[in-house]
C-alpha atoms as a PDB file:
ATOM      1  CA  MET A   1     -12.075 101.246-125.455  1.00  0.00           C
ATOM      2  CA  ASP A   2      -8.689 100.149-126.516  1.00  0.00           C
ATOM      3  CA  HIS A   3      -7.932 100.238-130.134  1.00  0.00           C
ATOM      4  CA  ALA A   4      -5.068  98.298-131.395  1.00  0.00           C
ATOM      5  CA  GLN A   5      -2.582 100.330-133.511  1.00  0.00           C
ATOM      6  CA  VAL A   6      -1.700  98.866-136.914  1.00  0.00           C
ATOM      7  CA  GLN A   7       2.125  98.804-137.279  1.00  0.00           C
ATOM      8  CA  PRO A   8       3.875  98.566-140.461  1.00  0.00           C
ATOM      9  CA  GLY A   9       5.228  94.913-141.263  1.00  0.00           C
ATOM     10  CA  SER A  10       9.120  94.299-140.459  1.00  0.00           C
ATOM     11  CA  GLY A  11       9.533  91.399-142.648  1.00  0.00           C
ATOM     12  CA  ALA A  12      11.945  90.957-145.284  1.00  0.00           C
ATOM     13  CA  LYS A  13      10.984  91.874-148.795  1.00  0.00           C
ATOM     14  CA  LYS A  14      10.875  88.873-150.805  1.00  0.00           C
ATOM     15  CA  SER A  15      11.275  90.319-154.290  1.00  0.00           C
ATOM     16  CA  TYR A  16      11.977  88.038-157.145  1.00  0.00           C
ATOM     17  CA  VAL A  17      15.412  88.020-158.742  1.00  0.00           C
ATOM     18  CA  VAL A  18      16.316  88.531-162.332  1.00  0.00           C
ATOM     19  CA  ALA A  19      19.345  88.168-164.422  1.00  0.00           C
ATOM     20  CA  GLY A  20      21.671  91.097-163.744  1.00  0.00           C
ATOM     21  CA  ALA A  21      21.232  91.162-159.952  1.00  0.00           C
ATOM     22  CA  ILE A  22      24.103  92.406-157.934  1.00  0.00           C
ATOM     23  CA  LEU A  23      25.620  89.938-155.766  1.00  0.00           C
ATOM     24  CA  SER A  24      28.314  90.431-152.947  1.00  0.00           C
ATOM     25  CA  CYS A  25      30.751  88.164-150.809  1.00  0.00           C
ATOM     26  CA  SER A  26      31.855  88.740-147.303  1.00  0.00           C
ATOM     27  CA  TYR A  27      35.502  87.890-148.822  1.00  0.00           C
ATOM     28  CA  GLY A  28      35.180  89.426-151.923  1.00  0.00           C
ATOM     29  CA  THR A  29      36.501  93.051-152.791  1.00  0.00           C
ATOM     30  CA  GLN A  30      34.042  93.777-155.478  1.00  0.00           C
ATOM     31  CA  PRO A  31      30.262  92.796-156.180  1.00  0.00           C
ATOM     32  CA  THR A  32      29.220  90.854-159.383  1.00  0.00           C
ATOM     33  CA  ARG A  33      26.249  90.233-161.441  1.00  0.00           C
ATOM     34  CA  LEU A  34      24.160  87.307-161.536  1.00  0.00           C
ATOM     35  CA  LYS A  35      24.244  85.926-165.093  1.00  0.00           C
ATOM     36  CA  ARG A  36      21.907  83.785-166.967  1.00  0.00           C
ATOM     37  CA  PRO A  37      22.877  82.432-170.446  1.00  0.00           C
ATOM     38  CA  PHE A  38      19.778  81.296-171.321  1.00  0.00           C
ATOM     39  CA  SER A  39      16.214  82.223-170.010  1.00  0.00           C
ATOM     40  CA  HIS A  40      14.025  79.936-168.207  1.00  0.00           C
ATOM     41  CA  GLY A  41      11.223  81.467-169.979  1.00  0.00           C
ATOM     42  CA  VAL A  42       9.735  83.424-167.233  1.00  0.00           C
ATOM     43  CA  TYR A  43      10.365  87.262-167.105  1.00  0.00           C
ATOM     44  CA  VAL A  44       9.860  89.933-164.538  1.00  0.00           C
ATOM     45  CA  LYS A  45       9.815  93.473-166.105  1.00  0.00           C
ATOM     46  CA  ASN A  46      11.309  91.946-169.251  1.00  0.00           C
ATOM     47  CA  LYS A  47      14.216  90.327-167.590  1.00  0.00           C
ATOM     48  CA  ALA A  48      14.965  86.560-167.167  1.00  0.00           C
ATOM     49  CA  GLN A  49      13.701  85.463-163.856  1.00  0.00           C
ATOM     50  CA  MET A  50      16.153  83.181-161.922  1.00  0.00           C
ATOM     51  CA  ASN A  51      15.768  79.961-159.904  1.00  0.00           C
ATOM     52  CA  ILE A  52      17.948  78.298-156.972  1.00  0.00           C
ATOM     53  CA  GLY A  53      19.482  76.291-159.420  1.00  0.00           C
ATOM     54  CA  ASP A  54      21.337  79.263-160.986  1.00  0.00           C
ATOM     55  CA  TYR A  55      24.350  79.185-158.985  1.00  0.00           C
ATOM     56  CA  LEU A  56      27.020  77.707-161.015  1.00  0.00           C
ATOM     57  CA  PRO A  57      30.700  79.336-160.782  1.00  0.00           C
ATOM     58  CA  GLY A  58      31.737  81.077-163.899  1.00  0.00           C
ATOM     59  CA  THR A  59      28.419  80.651-165.559  1.00  0.00           C
ATOM     60  CA  ASN A  60      26.017  82.238-163.107  1.00  0.00           C
ATOM     61  CA  ILE A  61      28.378  83.781-160.599  1.00  0.00           C
ATOM     62  CA  LYS A  62      31.720  85.166-161.702  1.00  0.00           C
ATOM     63  CA  SER A  63      34.499  86.369-159.795  1.00  0.00           C
ATOM     64  CA  PHE A  64      34.022  88.637-156.477  1.00  0.00           C
ATOM     65  CA  GLY A  65      37.453  90.363-157.456  1.00  0.00           C
ATOM     66  CA  ASN A  66      39.960  89.173-154.911  1.00  0.00           C
ATOM     67  CA  CYS A  67      39.371  86.738-152.105  1.00  0.00           C
ATOM     68  CA  SER A  68      40.788  87.506-148.585  1.00  0.00           C
ATOM     69  CA  SER A  69      39.226  84.127-146.888  1.00  0.00           C
ATOM     70  CA  PRO A  70      41.987  82.299-144.693  1.00  0.00           C
ATOM     71  CA  LEU A  71      40.420  79.026-145.735  1.00  0.00           C
ATOM     72  CA  ASN A  72      41.421  79.716-149.343  1.00  0.00           C
ATOM     73  CA  PRO A  73      44.419  77.637-150.676  1.00  0.00           C
ATOM     74  CA  ALA A  74      45.181  80.303-152.939  1.00  0.00           C
ATOM     75  CA  VAL A  75      44.908  82.925-150.466  1.00  0.00           C
ATOM     76  CA  GLN A  76      47.091  80.886-147.967  1.00  0.00           C
ATOM     77  CA  ALA A  77      49.700  80.666-150.720  1.00  0.00           C
ATOM     78  CA  SER A  78      49.482  84.007-152.044  1.00  0.00           C
ATOM     79  CA  GLN A  79      52.078  86.817-151.799  1.00  0.00           C
ATOM     80  CA  ILE A  80      49.392  89.556-152.522  1.00  0.00           C
ATOM     81  CA  VAL A  81      49.049  91.771-149.349  1.00  0.00           C
ATOM     82  CA  ASP A  82      46.982  94.895-149.069  1.00  0.00           C
ATOM     83  CA  ILE A  83      47.604  97.819-147.163  1.00  0.00           C
ATOM     84  CA  TYR A  84      46.130  96.094-143.944  1.00  0.00           C
ATOM     85  CA  GLY A  85      48.068  93.294-144.288  1.00  0.00           C
ATOM     86  CA  VAL A  86      45.552  91.003-145.523  1.00  0.00           C
ATOM     87  CA  LYS A  87      46.449  88.438-147.961  1.00  0.00           C
ATOM     88  CA  LYS A  88      44.467  88.178-151.136  1.00  0.00           C
ATOM     89  CA  ALA A  89      44.119  86.142-154.258  1.00  0.00           C
ATOM     90  CA  PRO A  90      41.767  86.022-157.378  1.00  0.00           C
ATOM     91  CA  CYS A  91      38.333  85.192-156.346  1.00  0.00           C
ATOM     92  CA  ILE A  92      37.221  81.862-158.008  1.00  0.00           C
ATOM     93  CA  PRO A  93      33.868  81.000-156.321  1.00  0.00           C
ATOM     94  CA  VAL A  94      33.475  77.531-155.048  1.00  0.00           C
ATOM     95  CA  LEU A  95      29.705  76.537-155.056  1.00  0.00           C
ATOM     96  CA  THR A  96      28.513  73.184-154.542  1.00  0.00           C
ATOM     97  CA  GLN A  97      24.765  73.457-153.787  1.00  0.00           C
ATOM     98  CA  PRO A  98      21.735  75.544-154.792  1.00  0.00           C
ATOM     99  CA  TRP A  99      20.750  78.957-153.332  1.00  0.00           C
ATOM    100  CA  LEU A 100      19.421  78.507-149.656  1.00  0.00           C
ATOM    101  CA  ASN A 101      15.742  79.671-148.974  1.00  0.00           C
ATOM    102  CA  GLY A 102      14.069  79.727-152.484  1.00  0.00           C
ATOM    103  CA  LYS A 103      10.322  80.239-152.885  1.00  0.00           C
ATOM    104  CA  SER A 104       9.241  76.980-153.150  1.00  0.00           C
ATOM    105  CA  ASP A 105       5.703  77.441-154.196  1.00  0.00           C
ATOM    106  CA  VAL A 106       6.537  79.548-157.002  1.00  0.00           C
ATOM    107  CA  LEU A 107       8.681  77.118-159.607  1.00  0.00           C
ATOM    108  CA  ILE A 108      10.757  78.336-162.393  1.00  0.00           C
ATOM    109  CA  GLU A 109      11.659  75.206-164.774  1.00  0.00           C
ATOM    110  CA  GLY A 110      10.969  73.029-161.810  1.00  0.00           C
ATOM    111  CA  GLN A 111      12.831  74.820-159.168  1.00  0.00           C
ATOM    112  CA  PRO A 112      11.928  77.083-156.338  1.00  0.00           C
ATOM    113  CA  ALA A 113      12.142  80.770-157.609  1.00  0.00           C
ATOM    114  CA  LEU A 114      15.236  83.139-156.451  1.00  0.00           C
ATOM    115  CA  THR A 115      14.330  85.747-154.150  1.00  0.00           C
ATOM    116  CA  HIS A 116      16.101  88.759-152.643  1.00  0.00           C
ATOM    117  CA  ASN A 117      16.578  87.009-149.288  1.00  0.00           C
ATOM    118  CA  CYS A 118      18.062  83.827-150.450  1.00  0.00           C
ATOM    119  CA  THR A 119      21.705  83.182-149.332  1.00  0.00           C
ATOM    120  CA  HIS A 120      24.752  81.202-150.706  1.00  0.00           C
ATOM    121  CA  GLN A 121      27.899  80.147-149.002  1.00  0.00           C
ATOM    122  CA  CYS A 122      31.159  79.425-150.790  1.00  0.00           C
ATOM    123  CA  LEU A 123      33.215  76.400-149.756  1.00  0.00           C
ATOM    124  CA  TYR A 124      35.806  79.094-148.390  1.00  0.00           C
ATOM    125  CA  ALA A 125      33.145  80.240-145.996  1.00  0.00           C
ATOM    126  CA  GLY A 126      32.304  83.551-148.036  1.00  0.00           C
ATOM    127  CA  ASN A 127      28.681  84.524-147.439  1.00  0.00           C
ATOM    128  CA  ILE A 128      27.080  85.398-150.836  1.00  0.00           C
ATOM    129  CA  ARG A 129      24.039  87.777-150.653  1.00  0.00           C
ATOM    130  CA  ILE A 130      21.922  89.331-153.249  1.00  0.00           C
ATOM    131  CA  GLU A 131      22.447  93.148-152.747  1.00  0.00           C
ATOM    132  CA  ASP A 132      20.061  94.201-155.716  1.00  0.00           C
ATOM    133  CA  ASP A 133      17.041  91.828-157.253  1.00  0.00           C
ATOM    134  CA  GLY A 134      18.074  93.511-160.530  1.00  0.00           C
ATOM    135  CA  GLN A 135      14.465  94.304-161.907  1.00  0.00           C
ATOM    136  CA  GLU A 136      15.345  98.119-161.898  1.00  0.00           C
ATOM    137  CA  LEU A 137      18.903  97.875-163.050  1.00  0.00           C
ATOM    138  CA  ASP A 138      20.270  98.303-166.875  1.00  0.00           C
ATOM    139  CA  PHE A 139      21.932  95.167-167.787  1.00  0.00           C
END
């Protein structure tokens, strides 16, 4: 009689993201923290839970240091060049829509919950990822 072997799942972990999560951008030189000026009223491990609407530049998502995207007009006009010859300019994220792939069956103040596998795209083609959900981090 054949016995099926049970294998561990390989699906991506979909943990909830809280204020203080660490974000990275594919064109940025440093990570940044996801901010929330006021709580939505829902908490995970005593930290404010985030939703897909928490994407506003300067409010929720600060600078990723310097930007190296060739699509960024500030980079195109910049005189700053790193040791590899790559032009850079101070990062000012340009985000025009909510995070993608929120958990639509869990609403936080009427919007899908933000999870570790959500992504975002800067207008200058930078891919923004959640590196750490923030649940275990000190803010």
